[in-house]
Amino acid sequence: MGPDIIKIQTVMRLKLYQLVAILASILCLSVSAQADPLKLVVLGDSLSAGYQLGAGEGFPEQLQKALREKGHDVEVINAGVSGDTSSGGLSRLDWSVGPDADAVIVELGANDMLRAIPPQKTRENIEAIVGGLTQRGVAVLVAGMMAQRNLGDDYAEAFDPIFPEVAKAHDALLYPFFLEGVALNPDLNLSDGMHPNAEGVSVMVRNMLPIVETLLKQASAS
């Protein structure tokens, strides 16, 4: 066998080894990516932050437990800040929702309503938050809020439609009222009558679970 043939065979072997190495690297990266749990961020206020609740009793923790029991490989991140308004949520959006977030539940607006912030300002903030997230390719679920009726019909008529209309405009999922089944029920709220207790959070998680599962499907497909 001549030296030229040996040289050609050696080069071919090297190229084959390189190809195998590249394919192995791609396979490892693919397996690694599949192994990472989905990251679901709950961007909210005290209603989702776990105000005055014990470890494991807050909304993100109970939601993560319920989702994992249903077989979902997911990490639910608590990005709730007590007292936060939609303006506060917008100002911290980039560092509260990191680049590795796959999905976000936007739960803001209750404190805007309690402070009687003009609904147009709340709309602008929620619009900017949801629009910014969808532009990043993040799956979004908007958790709606309803105005207290003692603020007057005009306020409620301007405030309540914010959440469904913003969700529709950005093709985001909507859960119409975050406190559905819990609001005004003393057995499911703390003594302040405003924040859910651990049992109330459990009801909220159970009610929201189907649409959150839809959110995770969207995140997995993106």
N, C-alpha and C. Protein backbone atom coordinates (compact mmCIF):
# COMPACT_ATOMS: atom_id res chain seq x y z
N MET A 1 0.86 -1.20 0.00
CA MET A 1 0.00 0.00 0.00
C MET A 1 0.89 1.24 0.00
N GLY A 2 0.67 2.14 -0.96
CA GLY A 2 1.52 3.30 -1.11
C GLY A 2 1.27 4.35 -0.04
N PRO A 3 2.23 5.25 0.15
CA PRO A 3 2.10 6.30 1.18
C PRO A 3 0.93 7.23 0.92
N ASP A 4 0.59 7.48 -0.37
CA ASP A 4 -0.54 8.37 -0.66
C ASP A 4 -1.86 7.78 -0.19
N ILE A 5 -2.01 6.46 -0.41
CA ILE A 5 -3.25 5.79 0.01
C ILE A 5 -3.36 5.81 1.52
N ILE A 6 -2.23 5.55 2.20
CA ILE A 6 -2.23 5.56 3.67
C ILE A 6 -2.61 6.95 4.19
N LYS A 7 -2.07 7.98 3.51
CA LYS A 7 -2.37 9.35 3.92
C LYS A 7 -3.86 9.66 3.75
N ILE A 8 -4.42 9.21 2.62
CA ILE A 8 -5.84 9.44 2.36
C ILE A 8 -6.70 8.74 3.40
N GLN A 9 -6.34 7.49 3.72
CA GLN A 9 -7.11 6.74 4.72
C GLN A 9 -7.03 7.41 6.09
N THR A 10 -5.87 7.94 6.42
CA THR A 10 -5.70 8.61 7.71
C THR A 10 -6.57 9.86 7.80
N VAL A 11 -6.58 10.63 6.71
CA VAL A 11 -7.40 11.84 6.67
C VAL A 11 -8.88 11.49 6.79
N MET A 12 -9.29 10.42 6.09
CA MET A 12 -10.69 10.00 6.15
C MET A 12 -11.08 9.56 7.55
N ARG A 13 -10.16 8.84 8.22
CA ARG A 13 -10.44 8.42 9.59
C ARG A 13 -10.62 9.63 10.51
N LEU A 14 -9.74 10.62 10.34
CA LEU A 14 -9.82 11.82 11.17
C LEU A 14 -11.15 12.55 10.95
N LYS A 15 -11.54 12.66 9.69
CA LYS A 15 -12.81 13.33 9.38
C LYS A 15 -13.99 12.55 9.96
N LEU A 16 -13.90 11.21 9.92
CA LEU A 16 -14.95 10.38 10.48
C LEU A 16 -15.04 10.58 11.99
N TYR A 17 -13.86 10.62 12.64
CA TYR A 17 -13.85 10.84 14.09
C TYR A 17 -14.45 12.21 14.44
N GLN A 18 -14.11 13.22 13.62
CA GLN A 18 -14.65 14.56 13.85
C GLN A 18 -16.17 14.58 13.71
N LEU A 19 -16.66 13.87 12.68
CA LEU A 19 -18.10 13.81 12.46
C LEU A 19 -18.81 13.13 13.62
N VAL A 20 -18.22 12.02 14.09
CA VAL A 20 -18.80 11.31 15.23
C VAL A 20 -18.82 12.20 16.46
N ALA A 21 -17.74 12.96 16.67
CA ALA A 21 -17.66 13.84 17.83
C ALA A 21 -18.72 14.94 17.76
N ILE A 22 -18.90 15.49 16.55
CA ILE A 22 -19.91 16.54 16.37
C ILE A 22 -21.31 16.00 16.65
N LEU A 23 -21.60 14.81 16.09
CA LEU A 23 -22.92 14.21 16.31
C LEU A 23 -23.14 13.90 17.78
N ALA A 24 -22.10 13.43 18.45
CA ALA A 24 -22.21 13.12 19.88
C ALA A 24 -22.49 14.39 20.68
N SER A 25 -21.83 15.49 20.30
CA SER A 25 -22.05 16.76 21.00
C SER A 25 -23.48 17.25 20.82
N ILE A 26 -23.97 17.14 19.58
CA ILE A 26 -25.35 17.55 19.30
C ILE A 26 -26.33 16.72 20.11
N LEU A 27 -26.08 15.41 20.18
CA LEU A 27 -26.95 14.52 20.93
C LEU A 27 -26.94 14.88 22.41
N CYS A 28 -25.76 15.17 22.94
CA CYS A 28 -25.64 15.52 24.36
C CYS A 28 -26.39 16.81 24.66
N LEU A 29 -26.24 17.80 23.75
CA LEU A 29 -26.94 19.07 23.94
C LEU A 29 -28.44 18.87 23.90
N SER A 30 -28.89 18.02 22.98
CA SER A 30 -30.32 17.75 22.86
C SER A 30 -30.86 17.09 24.11
N VAL A 31 -30.14 16.10 24.62
CA VAL A 31 -30.56 15.40 25.83
C VAL A 31 -30.57 16.35 27.01
N SER A 32 -29.52 17.22 27.07
CA SER A 32 -29.43 18.18 28.17
C SER A 32 -30.60 19.14 28.15
N ALA A 33 -30.94 19.62 26.92
CA ALA A 33 -32.05 20.56 26.80
C ALA A 33 -33.36 19.92 27.22
N GLN A 34 -33.54 18.66 26.82
CA GLN A 34 -34.77 17.96 27.18
C GLN A 34 -34.85 17.71 28.68
N ALA A 35 -33.70 17.59 29.32
CA ALA A 35 -33.68 17.26 30.74
C ALA A 35 -33.99 18.47 31.61
N ASP A 36 -33.80 19.68 31.08
CA ASP A 36 -34.06 20.88 31.87
C ASP A 36 -35.56 21.07 32.07
N PRO A 37 -35.99 21.33 33.30
CA PRO A 37 -37.43 21.57 33.52
C PRO A 37 -37.85 22.89 32.91
N LEU A 38 -39.12 22.98 32.54
CA LEU A 38 -39.66 24.25 32.09
C LEU A 38 -39.65 25.24 33.26
N LYS A 39 -39.36 26.48 32.96
CA LYS A 39 -39.34 27.52 33.99
C LYS A 39 -40.56 28.41 33.81
N LEU A 40 -41.43 28.37 34.82
CA LEU A 40 -42.65 29.16 34.83
C LEU A 40 -42.53 30.22 35.92
N VAL A 41 -42.58 31.48 35.53
CA VAL A 41 -42.43 32.60 36.46
C VAL A 41 -43.81 33.17 36.78
N VAL A 42 -44.07 33.38 38.07
CA VAL A 42 -45.30 34.06 38.48
C VAL A 42 -44.93 35.49 38.85
N LEU A 43 -45.24 36.41 37.95
CA LEU A 43 -44.94 37.83 38.14
C LEU A 43 -46.16 38.49 38.76
N GLY A 44 -46.07 38.80 40.05
CA GLY A 44 -47.27 39.30 40.70
C GLY A 44 -47.01 40.13 41.93
N ASP A 45 -48.06 40.24 42.75
CA ASP A 45 -48.02 41.03 43.97
C ASP A 45 -48.22 40.10 45.17
N SER A 46 -48.74 40.62 46.27
CA SER A 46 -48.87 39.82 47.49
C SER A 46 -49.85 38.66 47.34
N LEU A 47 -50.78 38.76 46.40
CA LEU A 47 -51.75 37.68 46.20
C LEU A 47 -51.08 36.39 45.74
N SER A 48 -49.99 36.53 45.00
CA SER A 48 -49.26 35.35 44.53
C SER A 48 -47.94 35.15 45.27
N ALA A 49 -47.50 36.17 46.00
CA ALA A 49 -46.19 36.08 46.66
C ALA A 49 -46.22 35.19 47.90
N GLY A 50 -47.42 34.94 48.45
CA GLY A 50 -47.51 34.13 49.65
C GLY A 50 -47.55 34.97 50.92
N TYR A 51 -48.22 36.09 50.86
CA TYR A 51 -48.30 37.02 51.99
C TYR A 51 -48.79 36.32 53.26
N GLN A 52 -47.96 36.37 54.30
CA GLN A 52 -48.25 35.81 55.63
C GLN A 52 -48.54 34.30 55.61
N LEU A 53 -48.02 33.61 54.61
CA LEU A 53 -48.20 32.16 54.54
C LEU A 53 -46.89 31.47 54.88
N GLY A 54 -46.98 30.23 55.30
CA GLY A 54 -45.80 29.46 55.65
C GLY A 54 -45.10 28.90 54.43
N ALA A 55 -43.96 28.27 54.69
CA ALA A 55 -43.19 27.67 53.60
C ALA A 55 -44.02 26.61 52.88
N GLY A 56 -44.04 26.70 51.57
CA GLY A 56 -44.77 25.73 50.77
C GLY A 56 -46.25 26.02 50.61
N GLU A 57 -46.75 27.10 51.23
CA GLU A 57 -48.19 27.38 51.20
C GLU A 57 -48.58 28.42 50.15
N GLY A 58 -47.60 29.13 49.60
CA GLY A 58 -47.89 30.18 48.64
C GLY A 58 -48.33 29.62 47.29
N PHE A 59 -48.82 30.50 46.45
CA PHE A 59 -49.33 30.08 45.15
C PHE A 59 -48.27 29.41 44.29
N PRO A 60 -47.08 29.97 44.12
CA PRO A 60 -46.09 29.30 43.26
C PRO A 60 -45.71 27.91 43.76
N GLU A 61 -45.56 27.78 45.08
CA GLU A 61 -45.17 26.48 45.64
C GLU A 61 -46.27 25.44 45.47
N GLN A 62 -47.49 25.83 45.76
CA GLN A 62 -48.60 24.88 45.61
C GLN A 62 -48.84 24.54 44.14
N LEU A 63 -48.66 25.53 43.28
CA LEU A 63 -48.84 25.28 41.84
C LEU A 63 -47.78 24.30 41.34
N GLN A 64 -46.54 24.50 41.74
CA GLN A 64 -45.47 23.60 41.32
C GLN A 64 -45.75 22.17 41.78
N LYS A 65 -46.18 22.03 43.02
CA LYS A 65 -46.49 20.70 43.56
C LYS A 65 -47.60 20.04 42.75
N ALA A 66 -48.66 20.80 42.45
CA ALA A 66 -49.79 20.24 41.71
C ALA A 66 -49.39 19.85 40.29
N LEU A 67 -48.57 20.67 39.65
CA LEU A 67 -48.14 20.37 38.29
C LEU A 67 -47.24 19.14 38.25
N ARG A 68 -46.34 19.03 39.21
CA ARG A 68 -45.45 17.87 39.25
C ARG A 68 -46.23 16.60 39.54
N GLU A 69 -47.27 16.70 40.36
CA GLU A 69 -48.10 15.53 40.62
C GLU A 69 -48.84 15.08 39.36
N LYS A 70 -49.02 16.01 38.43
CA LYS A 70 -49.66 15.68 37.15
C LYS A 70 -48.64 15.23 36.11
N GLY A 71 -47.38 15.15 36.52
CA GLY A 71 -46.34 14.64 35.63
C GLY A 71 -45.57 15.68 34.86
N HIS A 72 -45.74 16.96 35.17
CA HIS A 72 -45.03 18.02 34.46
C HIS A 72 -43.67 18.28 35.10
N ASP A 73 -42.64 18.33 34.27
CA ASP A 73 -41.30 18.67 34.74
C ASP A 73 -41.16 20.18 34.67
N VAL A 74 -41.46 20.85 35.77
CA VAL A 74 -41.54 22.31 35.76
C VAL A 74 -41.01 22.88 37.07
N GLU A 75 -40.39 24.04 36.96
CA GLU A 75 -39.98 24.82 38.13
C GLU A 75 -40.79 26.11 38.12
N VAL A 76 -41.54 26.34 39.19
CA VAL A 76 -42.35 27.56 39.29
C VAL A 76 -41.61 28.56 40.16
N ILE A 77 -41.31 29.70 39.60
CA ILE A 77 -40.49 30.72 40.26
C ILE A 77 -41.37 31.83 40.80
N ASN A 78 -41.21 32.13 42.08
CA ASN A 78 -41.99 33.16 42.74
C ASN A 78 -41.36 34.53 42.49
N ALA A 79 -41.98 35.31 41.60
CA ALA A 79 -41.53 36.68 41.34
C ALA A 79 -42.61 37.65 41.80
N GLY A 80 -43.23 37.33 42.93
CA GLY A 80 -44.25 38.20 43.50
C GLY A 80 -43.63 39.15 44.52
N VAL A 81 -44.09 40.39 44.51
CA VAL A 81 -43.61 41.41 45.45
C VAL A 81 -44.83 42.05 46.11
N SER A 82 -44.93 41.91 47.42
CA SER A 82 -46.08 42.47 48.13
C SER A 82 -46.15 43.99 47.93
N GLY A 83 -47.35 44.46 47.65
CA GLY A 83 -47.56 45.89 47.45
C GLY A 83 -47.28 46.38 46.05
N ASP A 84 -46.82 45.49 45.17
CA ASP A 84 -46.43 45.92 43.84
C ASP A 84 -47.64 46.31 43.00
N THR A 85 -47.46 47.34 42.20
CA THR A 85 -48.45 47.77 41.22
C THR A 85 -48.00 47.31 39.84
N SER A 86 -48.82 47.58 38.85
CA SER A 86 -48.42 47.23 37.49
C SER A 86 -47.19 48.04 37.06
N SER A 87 -47.06 49.26 37.56
CA SER A 87 -45.87 50.06 37.26
C SER A 87 -44.62 49.41 37.83
N GLY A 88 -44.73 48.92 39.07
CA GLY A 88 -43.60 48.24 39.69
C GLY A 88 -43.23 46.97 38.94
N GLY A 89 -44.24 46.22 38.53
CA GLY A 89 -43.98 44.99 37.77
C GLY A 89 -43.28 45.27 36.46
N LEU A 90 -43.70 46.35 35.79
CA LEU A 90 -43.07 46.72 34.52
C LEU A 90 -41.63 47.15 34.73
N SER A 91 -41.37 47.89 35.80
CA SER A 91 -40.02 48.41 36.03
C SER A 91 -39.02 47.30 36.34
N ARG A 92 -39.50 46.18 36.89
CA ARG A 92 -38.59 45.08 37.24
C ARG A 92 -38.74 43.89 36.30
N LEU A 93 -39.42 44.07 35.21
CA LEU A 93 -39.72 42.95 34.32
C LEU A 93 -38.47 42.21 33.86
N ASP A 94 -37.46 42.94 33.41
CA ASP A 94 -36.29 42.29 32.81
C ASP A 94 -35.50 41.47 33.81
N TRP A 95 -35.44 41.91 35.07
CA TRP A 95 -34.66 41.11 36.03
C TRP A 95 -35.53 40.13 36.81
N SER A 96 -36.83 40.32 36.80
CA SER A 96 -37.71 39.34 37.45
C SER A 96 -37.98 38.14 36.55
N VAL A 97 -38.01 38.39 35.25
CA VAL A 97 -38.24 37.32 34.27
C VAL A 97 -36.97 37.19 33.44
N GLY A 98 -36.13 36.24 33.82
CA GLY A 98 -34.84 36.07 33.16
C GLY A 98 -34.96 35.50 31.76
N PRO A 99 -33.85 35.46 31.04
CA PRO A 99 -33.87 34.97 29.65
C PRO A 99 -34.17 33.49 29.53
N ASP A 100 -34.10 32.76 30.66
CA ASP A 100 -34.37 31.32 30.61
C ASP A 100 -35.82 30.99 30.93
N ALA A 101 -36.66 32.01 31.11
CA ALA A 101 -38.08 31.77 31.41
C ALA A 101 -38.79 31.23 30.17
N ASP A 102 -39.58 30.18 30.36
CA ASP A 102 -40.36 29.60 29.27
C ASP A 102 -41.79 30.11 29.25
N ALA A 103 -42.32 30.44 30.42
CA ALA A 103 -43.71 30.88 30.53
C ALA A 103 -43.85 31.81 31.73
N VAL A 104 -44.85 32.68 31.66
CA VAL A 104 -45.08 33.65 32.74
C VAL A 104 -46.57 33.77 33.01
N ILE A 105 -46.93 33.76 34.29
CA ILE A 105 -48.27 34.15 34.71
C ILE A 105 -48.17 35.60 35.18
N VAL A 106 -48.90 36.50 34.54
CA VAL A 106 -48.89 37.91 34.91
C VAL A 106 -50.07 38.16 35.84
N GLU A 107 -49.76 38.42 37.11
CA GLU A 107 -50.80 38.64 38.13
C GLU A 107 -50.53 39.98 38.78
N LEU A 108 -51.00 41.03 38.16
CA LEU A 108 -50.80 42.39 38.66
C LEU A 108 -52.06 43.21 38.41
N GLY A 109 -52.23 44.25 39.20
CA GLY A 109 -53.37 45.14 39.00
C GLY A 109 -54.21 45.35 40.23
N ALA A 110 -54.15 44.42 41.19
CA ALA A 110 -54.98 44.56 42.40
C ALA A 110 -54.61 45.82 43.18
N ASN A 111 -53.32 46.09 43.32
CA ASN A 111 -52.91 47.28 44.07
C ASN A 111 -53.17 48.57 43.30
N ASP A 112 -53.17 48.48 41.99
CA ASP A 112 -53.57 49.65 41.19
C ASP A 112 -55.01 50.01 41.54
N MET A 113 -55.85 48.98 41.59
CA MET A 113 -57.26 49.20 41.88
C MET A 113 -57.47 49.73 43.30
N LEU A 114 -56.76 49.14 44.27
CA LEU A 114 -56.92 49.57 45.66
C LEU A 114 -56.45 51.01 45.86
N ARG A 115 -55.51 51.45 45.03
CA ARG A 115 -55.02 52.83 45.13
C ARG A 115 -55.75 53.75 44.16
N ALA A 116 -56.75 53.21 43.47
CA ALA A 116 -57.54 53.98 42.51
C ALA A 116 -56.67 54.64 41.45
N ILE A 117 -55.61 53.94 41.05
CA ILE A 117 -54.79 54.43 39.94
C ILE A 117 -55.64 54.45 38.68
N PRO A 118 -55.55 55.47 37.87
CA PRO A 118 -56.37 55.54 36.65
C PRO A 118 -56.24 54.26 35.81
N PRO A 119 -57.35 53.65 35.45
CA PRO A 119 -57.29 52.40 34.69
C PRO A 119 -56.47 52.49 33.40
N GLN A 120 -56.45 53.65 32.77
CA GLN A 120 -55.68 53.78 31.53
C GLN A 120 -54.19 53.55 31.79
N LYS A 121 -53.71 54.00 32.95
CA LYS A 121 -52.31 53.79 33.30
C LYS A 121 -52.05 52.30 33.55
N THR A 122 -52.97 51.65 34.24
CA THR A 122 -52.83 50.21 34.47
C THR A 122 -52.83 49.46 33.14
N ARG A 123 -53.72 49.84 32.25
CA ARG A 123 -53.78 49.20 30.93
C ARG A 123 -52.44 49.35 30.19
N GLU A 124 -51.88 50.54 30.21
CA GLU A 124 -50.61 50.77 29.51
C GLU A 124 -49.51 49.87 30.08
N ASN A 125 -49.49 49.73 31.40
CA ASN A 125 -48.45 48.90 32.02
C ASN A 125 -48.63 47.42 31.71
N ILE A 126 -49.86 46.92 31.85
CA ILE A 126 -50.12 45.51 31.56
C ILE A 126 -49.85 45.21 30.09
N GLU A 127 -50.22 46.15 29.24
CA GLU A 127 -49.96 46.02 27.80
C GLU A 127 -48.45 45.91 27.54
N ALA A 128 -47.68 46.75 28.20
CA ALA A 128 -46.23 46.74 27.99
C ALA A 128 -45.61 45.45 28.52
N ILE A 129 -46.10 44.96 29.64
CA ILE A 129 -45.57 43.72 30.22
C ILE A 129 -45.87 42.53 29.31
N VAL A 130 -47.14 42.37 28.96
CA VAL A 130 -47.54 41.22 28.15
C VAL A 130 -46.93 41.31 26.75
N GLY A 131 -46.95 42.51 26.17
CA GLY A 131 -46.36 42.67 24.85
C GLY A 131 -44.87 42.40 24.84
N GLY A 132 -44.17 42.87 25.88
CA GLY A 132 -42.74 42.62 25.96
C GLY A 132 -42.40 41.15 26.09
N LEU A 133 -43.20 40.43 26.86
CA LEU A 133 -42.95 39.00 27.05
C LEU A 133 -43.24 38.21 25.78
N THR A 134 -44.35 38.51 25.12
CA THR A 134 -44.68 37.77 23.90
C THR A 134 -43.67 38.05 22.79
N GLN A 135 -43.14 39.25 22.75
CA GLN A 135 -42.10 39.56 21.77
C GLN A 135 -40.83 38.75 22.02
N ARG A 136 -40.61 38.38 23.26
CA ARG A 136 -39.46 37.54 23.61
C ARG A 136 -39.72 36.06 23.32
N GLY A 137 -40.93 35.74 22.91
CA GLY A 137 -41.27 34.35 22.63
C GLY A 137 -41.66 33.57 23.86
N VAL A 138 -42.02 34.28 24.94
CA VAL A 138 -42.43 33.64 26.18
C VAL A 138 -43.94 33.41 26.16
N ALA A 139 -44.37 32.22 26.56
CA ALA A 139 -45.81 31.94 26.67
C ALA A 139 -46.36 32.69 27.88
N VAL A 140 -47.52 33.34 27.71
CA VAL A 140 -48.06 34.21 28.76
C VAL A 140 -49.49 33.83 29.10
N LEU A 141 -49.76 33.81 30.40
CA LEU A 141 -51.12 33.68 30.93
C LEU A 141 -51.42 34.93 31.74
N VAL A 142 -52.45 35.66 31.35
CA VAL A 142 -52.86 36.85 32.08
C VAL A 142 -53.90 36.45 33.12
N ALA A 143 -53.60 36.73 34.39
CA ALA A 143 -54.55 36.47 35.47
C ALA A 143 -55.30 37.76 35.76
N GLY A 144 -56.58 37.77 35.46
CA GLY A 144 -57.36 39.00 35.56
C GLY A 144 -57.72 39.38 36.99
N MET A 145 -58.12 40.62 37.14
CA MET A 145 -58.56 41.16 38.42
C MET A 145 -59.84 41.95 38.18
N MET A 146 -60.64 42.10 39.23
CA MET A 146 -61.89 42.85 39.13
C MET A 146 -61.89 43.97 40.15
N ALA A 147 -62.42 45.11 39.76
CA ALA A 147 -62.45 46.27 40.65
C ALA A 147 -63.51 46.10 41.73
N GLN A 148 -63.21 46.61 42.92
CA GLN A 148 -64.22 46.64 43.97
C GLN A 148 -65.32 47.62 43.56
N ARG A 149 -66.55 47.22 43.79
CA ARG A 149 -67.67 48.02 43.30
C ARG A 149 -67.84 49.33 44.03
N ASN A 150 -67.20 49.48 45.20
CA ASN A 150 -67.32 50.76 45.91
C ASN A 150 -66.52 51.87 45.24
N LEU A 151 -65.74 51.50 44.22
CA LEU A 151 -65.01 52.51 43.45
C LEU A 151 -65.89 53.16 42.39
N GLY A 152 -67.07 52.61 42.21
CA GLY A 152 -68.00 53.19 41.25
C GLY A 152 -68.04 52.44 39.94
N ASP A 153 -69.17 52.56 39.26
CA ASP A 153 -69.36 51.84 38.00
C ASP A 153 -68.38 52.29 36.93
N ASP A 154 -68.10 53.58 36.87
CA ASP A 154 -67.21 54.08 35.82
C ASP A 154 -65.81 53.47 35.95
N TYR A 155 -65.34 53.39 37.18
CA TYR A 155 -64.00 52.80 37.39
C TYR A 155 -64.01 51.33 37.00
N ALA A 156 -65.01 50.59 37.46
CA ALA A 156 -65.08 49.16 37.17
C ALA A 156 -65.20 48.90 35.67
N GLU A 157 -65.99 49.72 34.99
CA GLU A 157 -66.18 49.53 33.55
C GLU A 157 -64.91 49.80 32.77
N ALA A 158 -64.03 50.62 33.32
CA ALA A 158 -62.75 50.90 32.66
C ALA A 158 -61.67 49.90 33.07
N PHE A 159 -61.76 49.41 34.31
CA PHE A 159 -60.71 48.53 34.85
C PHE A 159 -60.89 47.07 34.45
N ASP A 160 -62.07 46.53 34.62
CA ASP A 160 -62.29 45.09 34.43
C ASP A 160 -61.92 44.58 33.03
N PRO A 161 -62.19 45.34 31.96
CA PRO A 161 -61.88 44.82 30.61
C PRO A 161 -60.40 44.83 30.26
N ILE A 162 -59.57 45.45 31.09
CA ILE A 162 -58.14 45.56 30.75
C ILE A 162 -57.55 44.20 30.45
N PHE A 163 -57.79 43.24 31.31
CA PHE A 163 -57.09 41.96 31.25
C PHE A 163 -57.53 41.09 30.07
N PRO A 164 -58.84 40.91 29.84
CA PRO A 164 -59.22 40.14 28.65
C PRO A 164 -58.83 40.82 27.35
N GLU A 165 -58.89 42.14 27.31
CA GLU A 165 -58.57 42.83 26.07
C GLU A 165 -57.07 42.79 25.76
N VAL A 166 -56.25 42.95 26.78
CA VAL A 166 -54.80 42.86 26.56
C VAL A 166 -54.40 41.44 26.16
N ALA A 167 -54.98 40.46 26.84
CA ALA A 167 -54.67 39.06 26.51
C ALA A 167 -55.05 38.76 25.06
N LYS A 168 -56.22 39.20 24.65
CA LYS A 168 -56.66 38.96 23.28
C LYS A 168 -55.76 39.65 22.27
N ALA A 169 -55.35 40.87 22.57
CA ALA A 169 -54.52 41.65 21.64
C ALA A 169 -53.17 40.99 21.39
N HIS A 170 -52.69 40.23 22.37
CA HIS A 170 -51.36 39.63 22.24
C HIS A 170 -51.40 38.10 22.15
N ASP A 171 -52.58 37.56 21.88
CA ASP A 171 -52.75 36.10 21.76
C ASP A 171 -52.23 35.37 23.00
N ALA A 172 -52.43 35.98 24.16
CA ALA A 172 -52.04 35.35 25.42
C ALA A 172 -53.24 34.62 26.01
N LEU A 173 -52.97 33.66 26.87
CA LEU A 173 -54.05 32.97 27.57
C LEU A 173 -54.62 33.88 28.65
N LEU A 174 -55.87 33.63 29.01
CA LEU A 174 -56.54 34.45 30.02
C LEU A 174 -57.21 33.57 31.06
N TYR A 175 -56.95 33.89 32.33
CA TYR A 175 -57.75 33.36 33.43
C TYR A 175 -58.49 34.58 33.98
N PRO A 176 -59.80 34.67 33.80
CA PRO A 176 -60.51 35.93 34.00
C PRO A 176 -60.35 36.59 35.37
N PHE A 177 -60.35 35.78 36.45
CA PHE A 177 -60.30 36.39 37.79
C PHE A 177 -59.42 35.52 38.69
N PHE A 178 -58.28 36.05 39.08
CA PHE A 178 -57.29 35.29 39.84
C PHE A 178 -57.86 34.72 41.13
N LEU A 179 -58.76 35.45 41.77
CA LEU A 179 -59.31 35.04 43.07
C LEU A 179 -60.65 34.32 42.94
N GLU A 180 -60.93 33.79 41.77
CA GLU A 180 -62.19 33.07 41.53
C GLU A 180 -62.39 31.97 42.57
N GLY A 181 -63.58 31.98 43.20
CA GLY A 181 -63.90 30.96 44.19
C GLY A 181 -63.35 31.22 45.58
N VAL A 182 -62.57 32.30 45.72
CA VAL A 182 -61.91 32.60 46.99
C VAL A 182 -62.30 33.97 47.53
N ALA A 183 -62.42 34.95 46.65
CA ALA A 183 -62.74 36.31 47.07
C ALA A 183 -64.03 36.35 47.88
N LEU A 184 -63.99 37.11 48.97
CA LEU A 184 -65.14 37.36 49.85
C LEU A 184 -65.56 36.14 50.67
N ASN A 185 -64.80 35.06 50.60
CA ASN A 185 -65.10 33.88 51.42
C ASN A 185 -64.18 33.92 52.65
N PRO A 186 -64.72 34.20 53.83
CA PRO A 186 -63.87 34.34 55.02
C PRO A 186 -63.11 33.07 55.38
N ASP A 187 -63.64 31.92 55.01
CA ASP A 187 -62.96 30.67 55.33
C ASP A 187 -61.71 30.45 54.48
N LEU A 188 -61.60 31.18 53.37
CA LEU A 188 -60.49 30.97 52.44
C LEU A 188 -59.53 32.16 52.40
N ASN A 189 -59.74 33.11 53.33
CA ASN A 189 -58.89 34.30 53.36
C ASN A 189 -58.32 34.53 54.75
N LEU A 190 -57.25 35.31 54.79
CA LEU A 190 -56.68 35.72 56.07
C LEU A 190 -57.65 36.67 56.77
N SER A 191 -57.31 37.07 57.97
CA SER A 191 -58.21 37.93 58.75
C SER A 191 -58.43 39.29 58.10
N ASP A 192 -57.53 39.69 57.18
CA ASP A 192 -57.73 40.98 56.50
C ASP A 192 -58.83 40.91 55.45
N GLY A 193 -59.28 39.70 55.13
CA GLY A 193 -60.35 39.53 54.16
C GLY A 193 -59.95 39.77 52.72
N MET A 194 -58.65 39.96 52.48
CA MET A 194 -58.18 40.29 51.13
C MET A 194 -57.22 39.26 50.56
N HIS A 195 -56.40 38.68 51.42
CA HIS A 195 -55.37 37.75 50.95
C HIS A 195 -55.78 36.31 51.24
N PRO A 196 -55.58 35.42 50.28
CA PRO A 196 -55.97 34.02 50.49
C PRO A 196 -55.09 33.34 51.54
N ASN A 197 -55.72 32.48 52.34
CA ASN A 197 -54.95 31.64 53.24
C ASN A 197 -54.49 30.40 52.48
N ALA A 198 -53.84 29.48 53.16
CA ALA A 198 -53.29 28.31 52.47
C ALA A 198 -54.38 27.50 51.78
N GLU A 199 -55.53 27.37 52.43
CA GLU A 199 -56.63 26.63 51.82
C GLU A 199 -57.18 27.38 50.61
N GLY A 200 -57.23 28.70 50.73
CA GLY A 200 -57.68 29.51 49.60
C GLY A 200 -56.76 29.37 48.40
N VAL A 201 -55.46 29.36 48.66
CA VAL A 201 -54.49 29.17 47.58
C VAL A 201 -54.70 27.82 46.92
N SER A 202 -54.98 26.81 47.73
CA SER A 202 -55.23 25.48 47.19
C SER A 202 -56.41 25.49 46.22
N VAL A 203 -57.46 26.23 46.57
CA VAL A 203 -58.63 26.35 45.69
C VAL A 203 -58.23 27.06 44.39
N MET A 204 -57.45 28.12 44.51
CA MET A 204 -57.01 28.87 43.33
C MET A 204 -56.18 27.99 42.40
N VAL A 205 -55.28 27.22 42.97
CA VAL A 205 -54.43 26.34 42.16
C VAL A 205 -55.29 25.29 41.45
N ARG A 206 -56.22 24.71 42.18
CA ARG A 206 -57.08 23.69 41.58
C ARG A 206 -57.90 24.27 40.43
N ASN A 207 -58.41 25.48 40.62
CA ASN A 207 -59.21 26.11 39.57
C ASN A 207 -58.38 26.46 38.34
N MET A 208 -57.14 26.88 38.56
CA MET A 208 -56.30 27.36 37.46
C MET A 208 -55.52 26.25 36.77
N LEU A 209 -55.45 25.09 37.38
CA LEU A 209 -54.56 24.04 36.88
C LEU A 209 -54.77 23.71 35.40
N PRO A 210 -56.00 23.55 34.91
CA PRO A 210 -56.17 23.21 33.49
C PRO A 210 -55.57 24.24 32.54
N ILE A 211 -55.78 25.53 32.81
CA ILE A 211 -55.26 26.53 31.88
C ILE A 211 -53.74 26.68 32.03
N VAL A 212 -53.21 26.42 33.23
CA VAL A 212 -51.76 26.46 33.39
C VAL A 212 -51.12 25.30 32.62
N GLU A 213 -51.79 24.16 32.59
CA GLU A 213 -51.28 23.04 31.79
C GLU A 213 -51.27 23.41 30.30
N THR A 214 -52.29 24.13 29.86
CA THR A 214 -52.30 24.62 28.47
C THR A 214 -51.13 25.57 28.23
N LEU A 215 -50.85 26.41 29.21
CA LEU A 215 -49.71 27.33 29.12
C LEU A 215 -48.40 26.56 28.94
N LEU A 216 -48.23 25.49 29.71
CA LEU A 216 -47.00 24.69 29.61
C LEU A 216 -46.90 24.01 28.24
N LYS A 217 -48.02 23.59 27.70
CA LYS A 217 -48.01 23.00 26.35
C LYS A 217 -47.54 24.02 25.33
N GLN A 218 -48.02 25.24 25.46
CA GLN A 218 -47.58 26.30 24.55
C GLN A 218 -46.09 26.56 24.70
N ALA A 219 -45.62 26.58 25.95
CA ALA A 219 -44.20 26.83 26.19
C ALA A 219 -43.34 25.71 25.62
N SER A 220 -43.80 24.48 25.73
CA SER A 220 -43.04 23.34 25.22
C SER A 220 -42.96 23.36 23.70
N ALA A 221 -44.02 23.89 23.07
CA ALA A 221 -44.07 23.89 21.61
C ALA A 221 -43.29 25.04 20.99
N SER A 222 -42.98 26.05 21.79
CA SER A 222 -42.30 27.23 21.24
C SER A 222 -40.80 27.03 21.16
